Amino acid sequence: MQHYRYTVILEREEEGGFHAFVPALRGCHTQGDTEEEALMNAQEAITIYIESLKAHGEPIPADGPAEVMEEPAVAITV
């Protein structure tokens, strides 16, 4: 099993809830009603994203620097 660590950016939505995205994984976005839910959903989205890359024989991107680091990076084991 490999371990990955990605930065997840949380943004508060005007209408409520949180938008979460992973800058290193293009198109990897999710949301949640609370910060905790958004982070849990982000972990699931990252796992699915990486599994898809592996299934298609594509490289797994490394986490790059992010402009905003309000929340800690999320560690994923796949």
PDB file of N, CA and C in Angstrom:
ATOM      1  N   MET A   1       0.834  -1.181   0.000  1.00  0.00           N
ATOM      2  CA  MET A   1       0.000   0.000   0.000  1.00  0.00           C
ATOM      3  C   MET A   1       0.882   1.250   0.000  1.00  0.00           C
ATOM      4  N   GLN A   2       0.528   2.206  -0.827  1.00  0.00           N
ATOM      5  CA  GLN A   2       1.294   3.438  -0.882  1.00  0.00           C
ATOM      6  C   GLN A   2       0.580   4.530  -0.104  1.00  0.00           C
ATOM      7  N   HIS A   3       1.365   5.458   0.388  1.00  0.00           N
ATOM      8  CA  HIS A   3       0.822   6.577   1.148  1.00  0.00           C
ATOM      9  C   HIS A   3       1.010   7.856   0.346  1.00  0.00           C
ATOM     10  N   TYR A   4      -0.025   8.668   0.339  1.00  0.00           N
ATOM     11  CA  TYR A   4       0.008   9.947  -0.370  1.00  0.00           C
ATOM     12  C   TYR A   4      -0.436  11.035   0.590  1.00  0.00           C
ATOM     13  N   ARG A   5       0.070  12.224   0.360  1.00  0.00           N
ATOM     14  CA  ARG A   5      -0.323  13.363   1.186  1.00  0.00           C
ATOM     15  C   ARG A   5      -0.599  14.535   0.249  1.00  0.00           C
ATOM     16  N   TYR A   6      -1.810  15.068   0.337  1.00  0.00           N
ATOM     17  CA  TYR A   6      -2.217  16.168  -0.527  1.00  0.00           C
ATOM     18  C   TYR A   6      -2.801  17.305   0.288  1.00  0.00           C
ATOM     19  N   THR A   7      -2.564  18.504  -0.196  1.00  0.00           N
ATOM     20  CA  THR A   7      -3.143  19.691   0.409  1.00  0.00           C
ATOM     21  C   THR A   7      -4.585  19.830  -0.060  1.00  0.00           C
ATOM     22  N   VAL A   8      -5.486  20.028   0.885  1.00  0.00           N
ATOM     23  CA  VAL A   8      -6.896  20.256   0.584  1.00  0.00           C
ATOM     24  C   VAL A   8      -7.223  21.682   1.006  1.00  0.00           C
ATOM     25  N   ILE A   9      -7.757  22.452   0.090  1.00  0.00           N
ATOM     26  CA  ILE A   9      -8.143  23.837   0.373  1.00  0.00           C
ATOM     27  C   ILE A   9      -9.649  23.871   0.625  1.00  0.00           C
ATOM     28  N   LEU A  10     -10.028  24.463   1.739  1.00  0.00           N
ATOM     29  CA  LEU A  10     -11.451  24.626   2.078  1.00  0.00           C
ATOM     30  C   LEU A  10     -11.845  26.080   1.886  1.00  0.00           C
ATOM     31  N   GLU A  11     -12.984  26.277   1.243  1.00  0.00           N
ATOM     32  CA  GLU A  11     -13.533  27.615   1.064  1.00  0.00           C
ATOM     33  C   GLU A  11     -14.971  27.621   1.571  1.00  0.00           C
ATOM     34  N   ARG A  12     -15.285  28.585   2.400  1.00  0.00           N
ATOM     35  CA  ARG A  12     -16.654  28.712   2.894  1.00  0.00           C
ATOM     36  C   ARG A  12     -17.526  29.234   1.752  1.00  0.00           C
ATOM     37  N   GLU A  13     -18.659  28.585   1.526  1.00  0.00           N
ATOM     38  CA  GLU A  13     -19.595  28.990   0.480  1.00  0.00           C
ATOM     39  C   GLU A  13     -20.572  30.025   1.033  1.00  0.00           C
ATOM     40  N   GLU A  14     -20.938  31.006   0.218  1.00  0.00           N
ATOM     41  CA  GLU A  14     -21.873  32.046   0.654  1.00  0.00           C
ATOM     42  C   GLU A  14     -23.217  31.475   1.086  1.00  0.00           C
ATOM     43  N   GLU A  15     -23.691  30.458   0.380  1.00  0.00           N
ATOM     44  CA  GLU A  15     -24.990  29.870   0.683  1.00  0.00           C
ATOM     45  C   GLU A  15     -24.920  28.838   1.809  1.00  0.00           C
ATOM     46  N   GLY A  16     -23.724  28.635   2.358  1.00  0.00           N
ATOM     47  CA  GLY A  16     -23.531  27.687   3.448  1.00  0.00           C
ATOM     48  C   GLY A  16     -22.716  26.496   2.990  1.00  0.00           C
ATOM     49  N   GLY A  17     -22.077  25.859   3.922  1.00  0.00           N
ATOM     50  CA  GLY A  17     -21.250  24.709   3.611  1.00  0.00           C
ATOM     51  C   GLY A  17     -19.861  25.111   3.160  1.00  0.00           C
ATOM     52  N   PHE A  18     -19.113  24.107   2.692  1.00  0.00           N
ATOM     53  CA  PHE A  18     -17.720  24.309   2.315  1.00  0.00           C
ATOM     54  C   PHE A  18     -17.413  23.614   0.998  1.00  0.00           C
ATOM     55  N   HIS A  19     -16.630  24.282   0.181  1.00  0.00           N
ATOM     56  CA  HIS A  19     -16.097  23.717  -1.053  1.00  0.00           C
ATOM     57  C   HIS A  19     -14.671  23.275  -0.732  1.00  0.00           C
ATOM     58  N   ALA A  20     -14.305  22.073  -1.139  1.00  0.00           N
ATOM     59  CA  ALA A  20     -12.959  21.555  -0.921  1.00  0.00           C
ATOM     60  C   ALA A  20     -12.363  21.162  -2.263  1.00  0.00           C
ATOM     61  N   PHE A  21     -11.094  21.527  -2.474  1.00  0.00           N
ATOM     62  CA  PHE A  21     -10.432  21.105  -3.696  1.00  0.00           C
ATOM     63  C   PHE A  21      -8.971  20.792  -3.422  1.00  0.00           C
ATOM     64  N   VAL A  22      -8.401  19.998  -4.337  1.00  0.00           N
ATOM     65  CA  VAL A  22      -7.028  19.521  -4.209  1.00  0.00           C
ATOM     66  C   VAL A  22      -6.233  20.098  -5.383  1.00  0.00           C
ATOM     67  N   PRO A  23      -5.419  21.125  -5.146  1.00  0.00           N
ATOM     68  CA  PRO A  23      -4.707  21.777  -6.242  1.00  0.00           C
ATOM     69  C   PRO A  23      -3.845  20.826  -7.077  1.00  0.00           C
ATOM     70  N   ALA A  24      -3.254  19.833  -6.466  1.00  0.00           N
ATOM     71  CA  ALA A  24      -2.357  18.918  -7.189  1.00  0.00           C
ATOM     72  C   ALA A  24      -3.109  17.936  -8.079  1.00  0.00           C
ATOM     73  N   LEU A  25      -4.406  17.757  -7.828  1.00  0.00           N
ATOM     74  CA  LEU A  25      -5.206  16.797  -8.592  1.00  0.00           C
ATOM     75  C   LEU A  25      -6.270  17.564  -9.373  1.00  0.00           C
ATOM     76  N   ARG A  26      -5.942  17.915 -10.583  1.00  0.00           N
ATOM     77  CA  ARG A  26      -6.814  18.743 -11.409  1.00  0.00           C
ATOM     78  C   ARG A  26      -8.236  18.174 -11.485  1.00  0.00           C
ATOM     79  N   GLY A  27      -9.208  18.999 -11.143  1.00  0.00           N
ATOM     80  CA  GLY A  27     -10.607  18.592 -11.210  1.00  0.00           C
ATOM     81  C   GLY A  27     -11.104  17.856  -9.976  1.00  0.00           C
ATOM     82  N   CYS A  28     -10.261  17.700  -8.975  1.00  0.00           N
ATOM     83  CA  CYS A  28     -10.666  16.990  -7.752  1.00  0.00           C
ATOM     84  C   CYS A  28     -11.291  17.991  -6.788  1.00  0.00           C
ATOM     85  N   HIS A  29     -12.617  18.057  -6.814  1.00  0.00           N
ATOM     86  CA  HIS A  29     -13.397  18.988  -6.001  1.00  0.00           C
ATOM     87  C   HIS A  29     -14.509  18.223  -5.300  1.00  0.00           C
ATOM     88  N   THR A  30     -14.932  18.729  -4.166  1.00  0.00           N
ATOM     89  CA  THR A  30     -16.072  18.168  -3.460  1.00  0.00           C
ATOM     90  C   THR A  30     -16.622  19.248  -2.541  1.00  0.00           C
ATOM     91  N   GLN A  31     -17.582  18.892  -1.719  1.00  0.00           N
ATOM     92  CA  GLN A  31     -18.169  19.859  -0.789  1.00  0.00           C
ATOM     93  C   GLN A  31     -18.695  19.133   0.432  1.00  0.00           C
ATOM     94  N   GLY A  32     -19.115  19.899   1.408  1.00  0.00           N
ATOM     95  CA  GLY A  32     -19.714  19.352   2.613  1.00  0.00           C
ATOM     96  C   GLY A  32     -20.410  20.446   3.387  1.00  0.00           C
ATOM     97  N   ASP A  33     -21.350  20.048   4.219  1.00  0.00           N
ATOM     98  CA  ASP A  33     -22.086  21.018   5.043  1.00  0.00           C
ATOM     99  C   ASP A  33     -21.209  21.606   6.141  1.00  0.00           C
ATOM    100  N   THR A  34     -20.225  20.826   6.612  1.00  0.00           N
ATOM    101  CA  THR A  34     -19.303  21.270   7.659  1.00  0.00           C
ATOM    102  C   THR A  34     -17.870  21.086   7.156  1.00  0.00           C
ATOM    103  N   GLU A  35     -16.908  21.701   7.848  1.00  0.00           N
ATOM    104  CA  GLU A  35     -15.501  21.503   7.484  1.00  0.00           C
ATOM    105  C   GLU A  35     -15.140  20.022   7.557  1.00  0.00           C
ATOM    106  N   GLU A  36     -15.590  19.354   8.604  1.00  0.00           N
ATOM    107  CA  GLU A  36     -15.276  17.938   8.795  1.00  0.00           C
ATOM    108  C   GLU A  36     -15.830  17.100   7.659  1.00  0.00           C
ATOM    109  N   GLU A  37     -17.084  17.372   7.265  1.00  0.00           N
ATOM    110  CA  GLU A  37     -17.696  16.613   6.175  1.00  0.00           C
ATOM    111  C   GLU A  37     -16.964  16.878   4.859  1.00  0.00           C
ATOM    112  N   ALA A  38     -16.603  18.125   4.609  1.00  0.00           N
ATOM    113  CA  ALA A  38     -15.882  18.462   3.382  1.00  0.00           C
ATOM    114  C   ALA A  38     -14.530  17.748   3.340  1.00  0.00           C
ATOM    115  N   LEU A  39     -13.820  17.675   4.463  1.00  0.00           N
ATOM    116  CA  LEU A  39     -12.533  16.972   4.507  1.00  0.00           C
ATOM    117  C   LEU A  39     -12.708  15.472   4.314  1.00  0.00           C
ATOM    118  N   MET A  40     -13.740  14.897   4.924  1.00  0.00           N
ATOM    119  CA  MET A  40     -14.008  13.466   4.730  1.00  0.00           C
ATOM    120  C   MET A  40     -14.327  13.186   3.265  1.00  0.00           C
ATOM    121  N   ASN A  41     -15.147  14.046   2.660  1.00  0.00           N
ATOM    122  CA  ASN A  41     -15.483  13.882   1.248  1.00  0.00           C
ATOM    123  C   ASN A  41     -14.252  14.062   0.368  1.00  0.00           C
ATOM    124  N   ALA A  42     -13.348  14.965   0.762  1.00  0.00           N
ATOM    125  CA  ALA A  42     -12.110  15.166   0.014  1.00  0.00           C
ATOM    126  C   ALA A  42     -11.239  13.916   0.079  1.00  0.00           C
ATOM    127  N   GLN A  43     -11.160  13.288   1.234  1.00  0.00           N
ATOM    128  CA  GLN A  43     -10.386  12.053   1.348  1.00  0.00           C
ATOM    129  C   GLN A  43     -10.930  10.990   0.399  1.00  0.00           C
ATOM    130  N   GLU A  44     -12.241  10.863   0.351  1.00  0.00           N
ATOM    131  CA  GLU A  44     -12.866   9.890  -0.543  1.00  0.00           C
ATOM    132  C   GLU A  44     -12.601  10.256  -2.007  1.00  0.00           C
ATOM    133  N   ALA A  45     -12.716  11.537  -2.349  1.00  0.00           N
ATOM    134  CA  ALA A  45     -12.488  11.980  -3.725  1.00  0.00           C
ATOM    135  C   ALA A  45     -11.039  11.722  -4.144  1.00  0.00           C
ATOM    136  N   ILE A  46     -10.093  11.978  -3.244  1.00  0.00           N
ATOM    137  CA  ILE A  46      -8.677  11.736  -3.542  1.00  0.00           C
ATOM    138  C   ILE A  46      -8.437  10.250  -3.780  1.00  0.00           C
ATOM    139  N   THR A  47      -9.002   9.422  -2.932  1.00  0.00           N
ATOM    140  CA  THR A  47      -8.840   7.970  -3.064  1.00  0.00           C
ATOM    141  C   THR A  47      -9.364   7.490  -4.415  1.00  0.00           C
ATOM    142  N   ILE A  48     -10.553   7.925  -4.786  1.00  0.00           N
ATOM    143  CA  ILE A  48     -11.146   7.526  -6.065  1.00  0.00           C
ATOM    144  C   ILE A  48     -10.317   8.050  -7.229  1.00  0.00           C
ATOM    145  N   TYR A  49      -9.852   9.278  -7.129  1.00  0.00           N
ATOM    146  CA  TYR A  49      -9.034   9.896  -8.172  1.00  0.00           C
ATOM    147  C   TYR A  49      -7.767   9.076  -8.395  1.00  0.00           C
ATOM    148  N   ILE A  50      -7.064   8.740  -7.304  1.00  0.00           N
ATOM    149  CA  ILE A  50      -5.818   7.980  -7.413  1.00  0.00           C
ATOM    150  C   ILE A  50      -6.078   6.577  -7.946  1.00  0.00           C
ATOM    151  N   GLU A  51      -7.144   5.938  -7.489  1.00  0.00           N
ATOM    152  CA  GLU A  51      -7.482   4.602  -7.986  1.00  0.00           C
ATOM    153  C   GLU A  51      -7.737   4.638  -9.493  1.00  0.00           C
ATOM    154  N   SER A  52      -8.394   5.686  -9.971  1.00  0.00           N
ATOM    155  CA  SER A  52      -8.654   5.835 -11.404  1.00  0.00           C
ATOM    156  C   SER A  52      -7.350   6.020 -12.182  1.00  0.00           C
ATOM    157  N   LEU A  53      -6.451   6.859 -11.651  1.00  0.00           N
ATOM    158  CA  LEU A  53      -5.158   7.049 -12.312  1.00  0.00           C
ATOM    159  C   LEU A  53      -4.410   5.723 -12.426  1.00  0.00           C
ATOM    160  N   LYS A  54      -4.390   4.962 -11.341  1.00  0.00           N
ATOM    161  CA  LYS A  54      -3.702   3.667 -11.337  1.00  0.00           C
ATOM    162  C   LYS A  54      -4.334   2.711 -12.344  1.00  0.00           C
ATOM    163  N   ALA A  55      -5.658   2.677 -12.394  1.00  0.00           N
ATOM    164  CA  ALA A  55      -6.367   1.774 -13.297  1.00  0.00           C
ATOM    165  C   ALA A  55      -6.064   2.092 -14.761  1.00  0.00           C
ATOM    166  N   HIS A  56      -5.778   3.357 -15.052  1.00  0.00           N
ATOM    167  CA  HIS A  56      -5.492   3.779 -16.416  1.00  0.00           C
ATOM    168  C   HIS A  56      -3.986   3.887 -16.697  1.00  0.00           C
ATOM    169  N   GLY A  57      -3.167   3.464 -15.730  1.00  0.00           N
ATOM    170  CA  GLY A  57      -1.728   3.479 -15.906  1.00  0.00           C
ATOM    171  C   GLY A  57      -1.133   4.876 -15.995  1.00  0.00           C
ATOM    172  N   GLU A  58      -1.798   5.843 -15.406  1.00  0.00           N
ATOM    173  CA  GLU A  58      -1.331   7.223 -15.437  1.00  0.00           C
ATOM    174  C   GLU A  58      -0.507   7.531 -14.185  1.00  0.00           C
ATOM    175  N   PRO A  59       0.426   8.492 -14.276  1.00  0.00           N
ATOM    176  CA  PRO A  59       1.258   8.826 -13.108  1.00  0.00           C
ATOM    177  C   PRO A  59       0.455   9.500 -12.007  1.00  0.00           C
ATOM    178  N   ILE A  60       0.895   9.285 -10.778  1.00  0.00           N
ATOM    179  CA  ILE A  60       0.257   9.892  -9.612  1.00  0.00           C
ATOM    180  C   ILE A  60       0.978  11.214  -9.334  1.00  0.00           C
ATOM    181  N   PRO A  61       0.279  12.357  -9.439  1.00  0.00           N
ATOM    182  CA  PRO A  61       0.929  13.648  -9.192  1.00  0.00           C
ATOM    183  C   PRO A  61       1.365  13.801  -7.736  1.00  0.00           C
ATOM    184  N   ALA A  62       2.469  14.494  -7.564  1.00  0.00           N
ATOM    185  CA  ALA A  62       2.919  14.839  -6.216  1.00  0.00           C
ATOM    186  C   ALA A  62       2.211  16.116  -5.788  1.00  0.00           C
ATOM    187  N   ASP A  63       2.090  16.321  -4.499  1.00  0.00           N
ATOM    188  CA  ASP A  63       1.497  17.552  -3.980  1.00  0.00           C
ATOM    189  C   ASP A  63       2.470  18.682  -4.220  1.00  0.00           C
ATOM    190  N   GLY A  64       1.971  19.780  -4.733  1.00  0.00           N
ATOM    191  CA  GLY A  64       2.816  20.942  -4.994  1.00  0.00           C
ATOM    192  C   GLY A  64       2.520  22.036  -4.001  1.00  0.00           C
ATOM    193  N   PRO A  65       3.260  23.118  -4.065  1.00  0.00           N
ATOM    194  CA  PRO A  65       3.001  24.227  -3.134  1.00  0.00           C
ATOM    195  C   PRO A  65       1.644  24.854  -3.412  1.00  0.00           C
ATOM    196  N   ALA A  66       0.960  25.236  -2.369  1.00  0.00           N
ATOM    197  CA  ALA A  66      -0.336  25.898  -2.493  1.00  0.00           C
ATOM    198  C   ALA A  66      -0.200  27.321  -1.977  1.00  0.00           C
ATOM    199  N   GLU A  67      -0.978  28.201  -2.538  1.00  0.00           N
ATOM    200  CA  GLU A  67      -0.925  29.595  -2.109  1.00  0.00           C
ATOM    201  C   GLU A  67      -1.527  29.784  -0.723  1.00  0.00           C
ATOM    202  N   VAL A  68      -2.556  29.017  -0.408  1.00  0.00           N
ATOM    203  CA  VAL A  68      -3.255  29.161   0.864  1.00  0.00           C
ATOM    204  C   VAL A  68      -3.133  27.852   1.622  1.00  0.00           C
ATOM    205  N   MET A  69      -2.691  27.911   2.867  1.00  0.00           N
ATOM    206  CA  MET A  69      -2.534  26.701   3.680  1.00  0.00           C
ATOM    207  C   MET A  69      -3.295  26.879   4.993  1.00  0.00           C
ATOM    208  N   GLU A  70      -4.604  27.100   4.901  1.00  0.00           N
ATOM    209  CA  GLU A  70      -5.401  27.301   6.100  1.00  0.00           C
ATOM    210  C   GLU A  70      -5.687  25.993   6.826  1.00  0.00           C
ATOM    211  N   GLU A  71      -5.729  24.902   6.090  1.00  0.00           N
ATOM    212  CA  GLU A  71      -6.018  23.591   6.671  1.00  0.00           C
ATOM    213  C   GLU A  71      -4.829  22.673   6.431  1.00  0.00           C
ATOM    214  N   PRO A  72      -4.609  21.712   7.299  1.00  0.00           N
ATOM    215  CA  PRO A  72      -3.505  20.781   7.103  1.00  0.00           C
ATOM    216  C   PRO A  72      -3.758  19.896   5.891  1.00  0.00           C
ATOM    217  N   ALA A  73      -2.677  19.374   5.342  1.00  0.00           N
ATOM    218  CA  ALA A  73      -2.792  18.428   4.241  1.00  0.00           C
ATOM    219  C   ALA A  73      -3.471  17.165   4.747  1.00  0.00           C
ATOM    220  N   VAL A  74      -4.090  16.430   3.837  1.00  0.00           N
ATOM    221  CA  VAL A  74      -4.788  15.210   4.170  1.00  0.00           C
ATOM    222  C   VAL A  74      -3.942  14.033   3.694  1.00  0.00           C
ATOM    223  N   ALA A  75      -3.682  13.085   4.572  1.00  0.00           N
ATOM    224  CA  ALA A  75      -2.916  11.887   4.212  1.00  0.00           C
ATOM    225  C   ALA A  75      -3.883  10.800   3.763  1.00  0.00           C
ATOM    226  N   ILE A  76      -3.562  10.156   2.633  1.00  0.00           N
ATOM    227  CA  ILE A  76      -4.411   9.125   2.037  1.00  0.00           C
ATOM    228  C   ILE A  76      -3.577   7.879   1.835  1.00  0.00           C
ATOM    229  N   THR A  77      -4.121   6.715   2.158  1.00  0.00           N
ATOM    230  CA  THR A  77      -3.469   5.448   1.898  1.00  0.00           C
ATOM    231  C   THR A  77      -4.310   4.704   0.873  1.00  0.00           C
ATOM    232  N   VAL A  78      -3.686   4.361  -0.259  1.00  0.00           N
ATOM    233  CA  VAL A  78      -4.396   3.631  -1.320  1.00  0.00           C
ATOM    234  C   VAL A  78      -3.573   2.423  -1.697  1.00  0.00           C
TER     235      VAL A  78
END
